[in-house]
Amino acid sequence: MRAFVTGSTGMVGSNLVHLLVEKGYEVRALVRSEKKGEEMLGHLKGVSLILGDMENVQAFAGNLPGCNVLFHTAAYFREYYAPGEHEKKLQKINVAATIELLKAAEAQKVEKVIYVSAVGVIGAEPDGSPANEATPPGKGSYQNLYFRSKLEAEKEIDAFLQNHSLPVVLILPGVIVGPRDAGPTPSGQFLLDYMHRRIPAVIKGGMCIVDVRDVALAMVEAVDKGRSGERYIIGGHFMMMEELLRILEEVTGIPGPKWKAPNFLAGVAGHLAVLQSRMSGKPPTITPDTVRMIQGKKRLDSTKAIRELGVQFRAPRDTAVDTVAWFKEHGYVKG
């Protein structure tokens, strides 16, 4: 089997490439930086690095022939917290380029596509029960520009499937945490901030956290088991913030914050963090959207993925142990 992976140096993409190699796949890995690609994936046998960018699909589409499956993990995400107007770029990369890629894959005889969406495209159930794949979008699905772009991409994929035969399976992960988070992602940055004692308070609420390796395995299982046009929530475990911080305190030996921030102060902190990020050029520690998500305590129902894909979720403590170890090993932790 031969796979093409976009976003291969991102956390999901890099873990996916490692898993594919373990399972005997040949992999063509799309990278924006050849240097970063070599650092993260160059040691793997059977992996060919393809230099390219989702802003120019046709420039790398010639590498699709011969691939059995396309895993599309690339997205414009972290950058949109930086200064500037981002809605057009979110639309161009996350929506228009995704459909262009699907058309190119079909033209090049790719047999199946596994597309990574986001659980932000669905809302919370009014009664507090876990949201499932049929739960309609919530207010946050439109307020957050990234989630909105993913929601629009899903609509375009649905329209594509009405007139094309290429199977496309949609994967909706919870908040992803895990090793190989070179970015780091906002969740990885939160863990690093904890390890550097920069988390002053507990936000009241919780969220569904999933190990990136469980997401990667679900994507691989979807190649044979996933049904075209279907969404699969890969939600992991729902955790209150107090529980998450207790695990981090146990794993790292670093005392966690005890003060529980009032809801309005947590929201203010999110806005201030974004402003600081735009001045410093560094990703924000937290955002208003993150605060709203935590305070909303949205639970996710992964029953469909468990039943159809055979998904299992490892213990959150195991994820914390491995992620902390990876950050330490790769020099992200000072002192």
Protein backbone atom coordinates (compact mmCIF):
# COMPACT_ATOMS: atom_id res chain seq x y z
CA MET A 1 0.00 0.00 0.00
CA ARG A 2 1.17 3.49 -0.80
CA ALA A 3 -0.13 6.59 0.99
CA PHE A 4 0.13 10.31 0.35
CA VAL A 5 0.06 12.44 3.53
CA THR A 6 -0.44 16.21 3.61
CA GLY A 7 0.65 18.13 6.70
CA SER A 8 3.17 15.40 7.41
CA THR A 9 5.32 17.45 9.82
CA GLY A 10 2.33 18.51 11.93
CA MET A 11 1.51 16.57 15.08
CA VAL A 12 -1.22 14.45 13.47
CA GLY A 13 0.67 14.03 10.21
CA SER A 14 4.00 13.03 11.73
CA ASN A 15 2.43 10.47 14.08
CA LEU A 16 0.41 9.16 11.15
CA VAL A 17 3.50 8.76 8.95
CA HIS A 18 5.32 6.84 11.70
CA LEU A 19 2.31 4.53 12.12
CA LEU A 20 1.96 3.97 8.38
CA VAL A 21 5.61 2.95 8.15
CA GLU A 22 5.10 0.53 11.06
CA LYS A 23 2.20 -1.02 9.15
CA GLY A 24 4.23 -1.50 5.99
CA TYR A 25 3.02 1.43 3.89
CA GLU A 26 5.19 3.36 1.48
CA VAL A 27 4.59 7.03 2.19
CA ARG A 28 4.85 10.18 0.12
CA ALA A 29 4.94 12.95 2.72
CA LEU A 30 4.11 16.52 1.72
CA VAL A 31 6.36 19.03 3.52
CA ARG A 32 6.60 22.80 3.31
CA SER A 33 10.15 22.75 4.69
CA GLU A 34 12.60 20.15 3.41
CA LYS A 35 14.82 20.76 6.47
CA LYS A 36 11.97 20.14 8.93
CA GLY A 37 10.85 17.13 6.92
CA GLU A 38 14.33 15.60 7.11
CA GLU A 39 14.55 16.28 10.85
CA MET A 40 11.20 14.69 11.64
CA LEU A 41 10.79 12.00 8.99
CA GLY A 42 14.10 11.58 7.15
CA HIS A 43 15.16 8.60 9.26
CA LEU A 44 12.11 6.54 8.26
CA LYS A 45 12.48 3.90 5.56
CA GLY A 46 9.94 3.97 2.79
CA VAL A 47 9.16 7.68 3.17
CA SER A 48 9.66 10.09 0.26
CA LEU A 49 9.54 13.80 1.07
CA ILE A 50 7.51 15.88 -1.39
CA LEU A 51 8.20 19.61 -1.19
CA GLY A 52 4.98 21.55 -1.65
CA ASP A 53 2.23 23.65 -0.15
CA MET A 54 -1.58 23.56 -0.06
CA GLU A 55 -1.59 27.02 -1.64
CA ASN A 56 -0.42 25.38 -4.88
CA VAL A 57 -1.99 21.93 -5.16
CA GLN A 58 -1.15 21.47 -8.83
CA ALA A 59 2.56 21.86 -8.10
CA PHE A 60 2.62 18.57 -6.13
CA ALA A 61 -0.41 16.75 -7.56
CA GLY A 62 1.87 14.90 -9.99
CA ASN A 63 3.06 12.83 -7.03
CA LEU A 64 -0.41 11.35 -6.39
CA PRO A 65 -0.40 8.62 -9.09
CA GLY A 66 0.24 5.19 -7.63
CA CYS A 67 -1.07 6.13 -4.18
CA ASN A 68 -3.87 3.97 -2.81
CA VAL A 69 -4.98 6.44 -0.15
CA LEU A 70 -4.66 10.15 0.54
CA PHE A 71 -4.58 11.31 4.16
CA HIS A 72 -5.36 15.03 4.25
CA THR A 73 -4.24 16.47 7.60
CA ALA A 74 -2.89 19.84 6.44
CA ALA A 75 -4.78 22.97 7.48
CA TYR A 76 -4.22 26.66 8.11
CA PHE A 77 -4.63 26.91 11.88
CA ARG A 78 -2.09 28.36 14.31
CA GLU A 79 -1.09 31.18 12.01
CA TYR A 80 -4.48 32.84 12.08
CA TYR A 81 -3.89 34.15 15.61
CA ALA A 82 -1.06 36.28 14.25
CA PRO A 83 -1.67 39.88 13.04
CA GLY A 84 -3.48 40.40 9.77
CA GLU A 85 -6.60 39.37 7.88
CA HIS A 86 -6.90 35.59 7.79
CA GLU A 87 -10.40 34.73 6.63
CA LYS A 88 -9.44 34.68 2.95
CA LYS A 89 -6.45 32.45 3.59
CA LEU A 90 -8.50 30.09 5.75
CA GLN A 91 -11.01 29.86 2.91
CA LYS A 92 -8.31 29.36 0.29
CA ILE A 93 -6.34 26.64 2.10
CA ASN A 94 -8.91 24.86 4.24
CA VAL A 95 -11.81 24.94 1.78
CA ALA A 96 -10.91 25.66 -1.84
CA ALA A 97 -7.57 23.81 -1.81
CA THR A 98 -9.16 20.80 -0.13
CA ILE A 99 -11.67 20.41 -2.95
CA GLU A 100 -8.95 21.00 -5.53
CA LEU A 101 -6.93 18.23 -3.88
CA LEU A 102 -9.90 15.84 -3.97
CA LYS A 103 -10.39 16.48 -7.67
CA ALA A 104 -6.69 15.92 -8.34
CA ALA A 105 -6.73 12.69 -6.30
CA GLU A 106 -9.70 11.36 -8.25
CA ALA A 107 -8.09 12.27 -11.56
CA GLN A 108 -4.93 10.42 -10.49
CA LYS A 109 -6.87 7.26 -9.51
CA VAL A 110 -6.38 7.50 -5.74
CA GLU A 111 -8.75 4.94 -4.20
CA LYS A 112 -9.80 6.67 -0.97
CA VAL A 113 -9.34 9.88 1.04
CA ILE A 114 -9.23 10.24 4.82
CA TYR A 115 -9.88 13.86 5.74
CA VAL A 116 -9.23 15.41 9.16
CA SER A 117 -11.97 17.84 10.15
CA ALA A 118 -12.59 19.16 13.70
CA VAL A 119 -15.18 18.60 16.44
CA GLY A 120 -15.66 22.36 16.45
CA VAL A 121 -18.00 21.87 13.47
CA ILE A 122 -20.57 20.35 15.82
CA GLY A 123 -22.19 22.03 18.80
CA ALA A 124 -23.11 20.86 22.28
CA GLU A 125 -26.34 19.06 23.09
CA PRO A 126 -28.72 21.34 25.04
CA ASP A 127 -29.27 18.72 27.76
CA GLY A 128 -25.54 18.21 28.31
CA SER A 129 -25.49 14.70 26.81
CA PRO A 130 -22.52 13.83 24.57
CA ALA A 131 -22.61 15.34 21.10
CA ASN A 132 -22.51 12.91 18.19
CA GLU A 133 -21.90 13.11 14.46
CA ALA A 134 -25.48 14.30 13.84
CA THR A 135 -25.35 17.16 16.36
CA PRO A 136 -25.77 20.44 14.44
CA PRO A 137 -23.15 23.23 14.53
CA GLY A 138 -23.10 25.48 17.56
CA LYS A 139 -22.54 29.21 17.88
CA GLY A 140 -18.80 28.61 18.26
CA SER A 141 -18.73 26.76 14.93
CA TYR A 142 -19.32 30.12 13.26
CA GLN A 143 -17.57 32.47 15.71
CA ASN A 144 -14.23 30.67 15.38
CA LEU A 145 -12.86 31.34 11.89
CA TYR A 146 -10.95 28.05 11.81
CA PHE A 147 -14.00 25.98 12.77
CA ARG A 148 -16.07 27.93 10.25
CA SER A 149 -13.58 27.07 7.51
CA LYS A 150 -13.77 23.39 8.49
CA LEU A 151 -17.57 23.53 8.47
CA GLU A 152 -17.53 25.07 4.99
CA ALA A 153 -15.03 22.43 3.86
CA GLU A 154 -17.36 19.69 5.05
CA LYS A 155 -20.23 21.23 3.09
CA GLU A 156 -18.07 21.38 -0.02
CA ILE A 157 -16.95 17.77 0.49
CA ASP A 158 -20.60 16.72 0.76
CA ALA A 159 -21.35 18.53 -2.51
CA PHE A 160 -18.29 16.89 -4.11
CA LEU A 161 -19.51 13.43 -3.11
CA GLN A 162 -22.85 14.03 -4.82
CA ASN A 163 -21.13 14.12 -8.21
CA HIS A 164 -17.93 12.12 -7.77
CA SER A 165 -17.08 8.50 -7.02
CA LEU A 166 -13.95 9.03 -4.89
CA PRO A 167 -14.70 7.84 -1.32
CA VAL A 168 -13.98 10.41 1.41
CA VAL A 169 -14.11 9.61 5.14
CA LEU A 170 -14.20 12.43 7.70
CA ILE A 171 -12.33 12.18 11.02
CA LEU A 172 -13.31 14.59 13.83
CA PRO A 173 -10.76 14.52 16.69
CA GLY A 174 -11.24 16.01 20.15
CA VAL A 175 -8.50 18.20 21.65
CA ILE A 176 -5.37 16.43 20.45
CA VAL A 177 -2.41 15.88 22.76
CA GLY A 178 0.67 13.73 22.34
CA PRO A 179 4.30 13.32 21.29
CA ARG A 180 5.90 14.73 18.12
CA ASP A 181 4.21 18.08 18.74
CA ALA A 182 7.00 20.09 17.13
CA GLY A 183 4.89 23.23 16.56
CA PRO A 184 3.86 23.09 19.30
CA THR A 185 0.07 23.07 19.01
CA PRO A 186 -1.96 25.09 21.55
CA SER A 187 -2.49 21.94 23.64
CA GLY A 188 1.23 21.22 23.60
CA GLN A 189 1.99 24.83 24.47
CA PHE A 190 -0.35 24.56 27.45
CA LEU A 191 1.59 21.55 28.70
CA LEU A 192 4.89 23.38 28.22
CA ASP A 193 3.54 26.41 30.03
CA TYR A 194 2.56 24.14 32.89
CA MET A 195 6.05 22.67 33.01
CA HIS A 196 7.50 26.18 33.06
CA ARG A 197 5.07 27.17 35.86
CA ARG A 198 3.19 29.69 33.70
CA ILE A 199 -0.36 28.50 34.44
CA PRO A 200 -1.61 30.82 37.21
CA ALA A 201 -5.15 29.51 37.62
CA VAL A 202 -7.62 26.75 36.89
CA ILE A 203 -10.35 27.48 34.34
CA LYS A 204 -13.64 26.03 35.50
CA GLY A 205 -14.80 23.45 32.98
CA GLY A 206 -13.54 20.55 30.93
CA MET A 207 -13.06 19.09 27.45
CA CYS A 208 -12.54 15.86 25.54
CA ILE A 209 -8.84 15.06 25.16
CA VAL A 210 -7.52 12.43 22.76
CA ASP A 211 -4.06 11.01 22.20
CA VAL A 212 -2.73 11.86 18.74
CA ARG A 213 -1.64 8.24 18.26
CA ASP A 214 -5.24 7.09 18.76
CA VAL A 215 -6.32 9.60 16.11
CA ALA A 216 -3.66 8.28 13.71
CA LEU A 217 -4.75 4.69 14.29
CA ALA A 218 -8.40 5.61 13.67
CA MET A 219 -7.38 7.17 10.35
CA VAL A 220 -5.53 4.03 9.28
CA GLU A 221 -8.46 1.82 10.32
CA ALA A 222 -10.77 4.08 8.30
CA VAL A 223 -8.99 3.04 5.10
CA ASP A 224 -10.67 -0.38 5.19
CA LYS A 225 -13.56 0.24 7.57
CA GLY A 226 -14.64 3.86 7.13
CA ARG A 227 -17.73 4.59 5.05
CA SER A 228 -17.59 7.34 2.45
CA GLY A 229 -19.29 10.57 3.45
CA GLU A 230 -19.47 9.54 7.09
CA ARG A 231 -18.12 11.49 10.06
CA TYR A 232 -16.32 9.69 12.86
CA ILE A 233 -15.78 11.47 16.18
CA ILE A 234 -12.49 10.46 17.81
CA GLY A 235 -13.20 12.14 21.11
CA GLY A 236 -11.00 10.41 23.67
CA HIS A 237 -11.79 11.07 27.34
CA PHE A 238 -13.76 13.94 28.84
CA MET A 239 -11.73 15.57 31.61
CA MET A 240 -12.39 18.43 33.97
CA MET A 241 -9.45 20.83 34.15
CA GLU A 242 -8.83 19.97 37.80
CA GLU A 243 -8.39 16.31 36.83
CA LEU A 244 -6.03 17.16 33.98
CA LEU A 245 -3.89 19.34 36.23
CA ARG A 246 -3.75 16.61 38.88
CA ILE A 247 -2.35 14.21 36.27
CA LEU A 248 0.23 16.77 35.12
CA GLU A 249 1.25 17.41 38.72
CA GLU A 250 1.71 13.67 39.29
CA VAL A 251 3.63 13.11 36.04
CA THR A 252 5.88 16.17 36.19
CA GLY A 253 6.26 16.62 39.94
CA ILE A 254 5.42 20.31 39.44
CA PRO A 255 2.64 21.70 41.68
CA GLY A 256 -0.38 22.88 39.75
CA PRO A 257 -2.34 26.10 40.34
CA LYS A 258 -4.96 26.04 43.08
CA TRP A 259 -6.85 29.23 42.34
CA LYS A 260 -9.99 28.81 40.23
CA ALA A 261 -10.41 31.83 37.98
CA PRO A 262 -13.89 33.36 37.79
CA ASN A 263 -15.41 32.85 34.35
CA PHE A 264 -15.23 36.52 33.35
CA LEU A 265 -11.54 36.77 34.30
CA ALA A 266 -10.72 33.66 32.28
CA GLY A 267 -12.37 35.29 29.26
CA VAL A 268 -10.39 38.48 29.75
CA ALA A 269 -7.18 36.44 30.04
CA GLY A 270 -7.98 34.78 26.69
CA HIS A 271 -8.32 38.16 24.93
CA LEU A 272 -5.13 39.48 26.53
CA ALA A 273 -3.21 36.35 25.50
CA VAL A 274 -4.26 36.83 21.86
CA LEU A 275 -3.22 40.50 21.93
CA GLN A 276 0.14 39.55 23.42
CA SER A 277 0.55 36.85 20.78
CA ARG A 278 -0.05 39.32 17.98
CA MET A 279 2.62 41.62 19.38
CA SER A 280 5.17 38.88 20.07
CA GLY A 281 4.51 36.69 17.05
CA LYS A 282 4.31 33.63 19.30
CA PRO A 283 1.21 31.39 19.56
CA PRO A 284 -1.16 32.42 22.38
CA THR A 285 -1.21 30.35 25.56
CA ILE A 286 -4.99 30.52 25.54
CA THR A 287 -7.68 32.17 23.44
CA PRO A 288 -11.27 33.32 24.06
CA ASP A 289 -12.43 30.36 21.96
CA THR A 290 -10.44 27.97 24.15
CA VAL A 291 -11.94 29.51 27.30
CA ARG A 292 -15.46 29.19 25.90
CA MET A 293 -14.77 25.57 24.90
CA ILE A 294 -13.52 24.64 28.37
CA GLN A 295 -16.33 26.45 30.13
CA GLY A 296 -18.88 24.84 27.79
CA LYS A 297 -17.85 21.35 28.98
CA LYS A 298 -18.89 19.77 25.67
CA ARG A 299 -18.83 15.99 25.84
CA LEU A 300 -18.34 13.85 22.73
CA ASP A 301 -19.79 10.48 21.80
CA SER A 302 -17.23 8.28 20.03
CA THR A 303 -19.53 5.23 19.92
CA LYS A 304 -19.70 5.18 16.12
CA ALA A 305 -15.89 5.18 15.73
CA ILE A 306 -15.53 2.52 18.43
CA ARG A 307 -18.14 0.32 16.77
CA GLU A 308 -17.17 0.76 13.11
CA LEU A 309 -13.43 1.50 13.24
CA GLY A 310 -12.51 -0.44 16.37
CA VAL A 311 -11.14 2.69 18.02
CA GLN A 312 -9.75 2.46 21.55
CA PHE A 313 -8.47 5.26 23.75
CA ARG A 314 -5.38 4.98 25.91
CA ALA A 315 -5.36 6.33 29.46
CA PRO A 316 -4.79 10.12 29.75
CA ARG A 317 -1.94 9.53 32.21
CA ASP A 318 -0.09 7.44 29.61
CA THR A 319 -0.50 10.26 27.10
CA ALA A 320 0.85 12.77 29.62
CA VAL A 321 3.87 10.59 30.45
CA ASP A 322 4.82 10.12 26.79
CA THR A 323 4.23 13.75 25.81
CA VAL A 324 6.25 15.14 28.71
CA ALA A 325 9.07 12.71 27.88
CA TRP A 326 9.06 13.77 24.21
CA PHE A 327 9.22 17.47 25.06
CA LYS A 328 12.09 16.88 27.49
CA GLU A 329 14.00 14.68 25.05
CA HIS A 330 13.74 17.29 22.30
CA GLY A 331 14.80 20.29 24.36
CA TYR A 332 11.48 22.09 24.80
CA VAL A 333 11.77 22.20 28.59
CA LYS A 334 14.21 24.62 30.18
CA GLY A 335 15.84 23.93 33.53
